[in-house]
């Protein structure tokens, strides 16, 4: 009886370890996804800033304010 109990405990521990590893991997993937999204948003923000600056410069050039 103790033999079966020990095997069951081992398998429960093994399953728990696998579940923890899967959860850890999911958290890592979520973190990587969040970092990637942050970088994409920063890049988009920089592009928008550059376009806005270009538009402002074009207006200044068109109105003669850039001289």
C-alpha atoms as a PDB file:
ATOM      1  CA  UNK A   1       0.000   0.000   0.000  1.00  0.00           C
ATOM      2  CA  UNK A   2       2.807   2.400   0.842  1.00  0.00           C
ATOM      3  CA  UNK A   3       4.337   1.681  -2.546  1.00  0.00           C
ATOM      4  CA  UNK A   4       1.209   2.869  -4.384  1.00  0.00           C
ATOM      5  CA  UNK A   5       0.938   5.891  -2.113  1.00  0.00           C
ATOM      6  CA  UNK A   6       4.547   6.831  -2.818  1.00  0.00           C
ATOM      7  CA  UNK A   7       4.011   6.477  -6.564  1.00  0.00           C
ATOM      8  CA  UNK A   8       0.881   8.634  -6.371  1.00  0.00           C
ATOM      9  CA  UNK A   9       2.722  11.298  -4.383  1.00  0.00           C
ATOM     10  CA  UNK A  10       5.556  11.234  -6.904  1.00  0.00           C
ATOM     11  CA  UNK A  11       3.184  11.634  -9.846  1.00  0.00           C
ATOM     12  CA  UNK A  12       1.309  14.443  -8.116  1.00  0.00           C
ATOM     13  CA  UNK A  13       4.590  16.234  -7.456  1.00  0.00           C
ATOM     14  CA  UNK A  14       5.681  15.664 -11.035  1.00  0.00           C
ATOM     15  CA  UNK A  15       2.400  17.072 -12.381  1.00  0.00           C
ATOM     16  CA  UNK A  16       2.684  20.060 -10.056  1.00  0.00           C
ATOM     17  CA  UNK A  17       6.222  20.744 -11.297  1.00  0.00           C
ATOM     18  CA  UNK A  18       5.110  20.536 -14.917  1.00  0.00           C
ATOM     19  CA  UNK A  19       2.201  22.893 -14.250  1.00  0.00           C
ATOM     20  CA  UNK A  20       4.541  25.387 -12.570  1.00  0.00           C
ATOM     21  CA  UNK A  21       6.947  25.192 -15.511  1.00  0.00           C
ATOM     22  CA  UNK A  22       4.116  25.788 -17.997  1.00  0.00           C
ATOM     23  CA  UNK A  23       2.869  28.738 -15.954  1.00  0.00           C
ATOM     24  CA  UNK A  24       6.375  30.164 -15.825  1.00  0.00           C
ATOM     25  CA  UNK A  25       6.753  29.791 -19.594  1.00  0.00           C
ATOM     26  CA  UNK A  26       3.404  31.499 -20.171  1.00  0.00           C
ATOM     27  CA  UNK A  27       4.437  34.387 -17.925  1.00  0.00           C
ATOM     28  CA  UNK A  28       7.728  34.712 -19.824  1.00  0.00           C
ATOM     29  CA  UNK A  29       5.859  34.775 -23.137  1.00  0.00           C
ATOM     30  CA  UNK A  30       3.429  37.377 -21.789  1.00  0.00           C
ATOM     31  CA  UNK A  31       6.354  39.498 -20.633  1.00  0.00           C
ATOM     32  CA  UNK A  32       8.050  39.189 -24.010  1.00  0.00           C
ATOM     33  CA  UNK A  33       4.809  40.148 -25.763  1.00  0.00           C
ATOM     34  CA  UNK A  34       4.358  43.167 -23.499  1.00  0.00           C
ATOM     35  CA  UNK A  35       7.940  44.301 -24.144  1.00  0.00           C
ATOM     36  CA  UNK A  36       7.469  43.893 -27.890  1.00  0.00           C
ATOM     37  CA  UNK A  37       4.234  45.907 -27.768  1.00  0.00           C
ATOM     38  CA  UNK A  38       5.959  48.628 -25.757  1.00  0.00           C
ATOM     39  CA  UNK A  39       8.783  48.832 -28.297  1.00  0.00           C
ATOM     40  CA  UNK A  40       6.300  48.950 -31.181  1.00  0.00           C
ATOM     41  CA  UNK A  41       4.380  51.765 -29.522  1.00  0.00           C
ATOM     42  CA  UNK A  42       7.578  53.709 -28.875  1.00  0.00           C
ATOM     43  CA  UNK A  43       8.576  53.314 -32.509  1.00  0.00           C
ATOM     44  CA  UNK A  44       5.135  54.425 -33.685  1.00  0.00           C
ATOM     45  CA  UNK A  45       5.342  57.425 -31.365  1.00  0.00           C
ATOM     46  CA  UNK A  46       8.727  58.394 -32.775  1.00  0.00           C
ATOM     47  CA  UNK A  47       7.383  58.099 -36.322  1.00  0.00           C
ATOM     48  CA  UNK A  48       4.375  60.259 -35.467  1.00  0.00           C
ATOM     49  CA  UNK A  49       6.622  62.842 -33.830  1.00  0.00           C
ATOM     50  CA  UNK A  50       8.864  62.960 -36.912  1.00  0.00           C
ATOM     51  CA  UNK A  51       5.854  63.336 -39.229  1.00  0.00           C
ATOM     52  CA  UNK A  52       4.406  66.097 -37.081  1.00  0.00           C
ATOM     53  CA  UNK A  53       7.747  67.910 -37.090  1.00  0.00           C
ATOM     54  CA  UNK A  54       7.933  67.523 -40.862  1.00  0.00           C
ATOM     55  CA  UNK A  55       4.425  68.908 -41.243  1.00  0.00           C
ATOM     56  CA  UNK A  56       5.222  71.846 -38.984  1.00  0.00           C
ATOM     57  CA  UNK A  57       8.381  72.582 -40.982  1.00  0.00           C
ATOM     58  CA  UNK A  58       6.399  72.400 -44.235  1.00  0.00           C
ATOM     59  CA  UNK A  59       3.887  74.937 -42.884  1.00  0.00           C
ATOM     60  CA  UNK A  60       6.709  77.220 -41.774  1.00  0.00           C
ATOM     61  CA  UNK A  61       8.325  76.943 -45.192  1.00  0.00           C
ATOM     62  CA  UNK A  62       5.026  77.616 -46.960  1.00  0.00           C
ATOM     63  CA  UNK A  63       4.269  80.672 -44.842  1.00  0.00           C
ATOM     64  CA  UNK A  64       7.826  81.999 -44.844  1.00  0.00           C
ATOM     65  CA  UNK A  65       8.183  81.609 -41.074  1.00  0.00           C
ATOM     66  CA  UNK A  66      11.257  79.403 -41.422  1.00  0.00           C
ATOM     67  CA  UNK A  67      13.503  82.249 -42.565  1.00  0.00           C
END
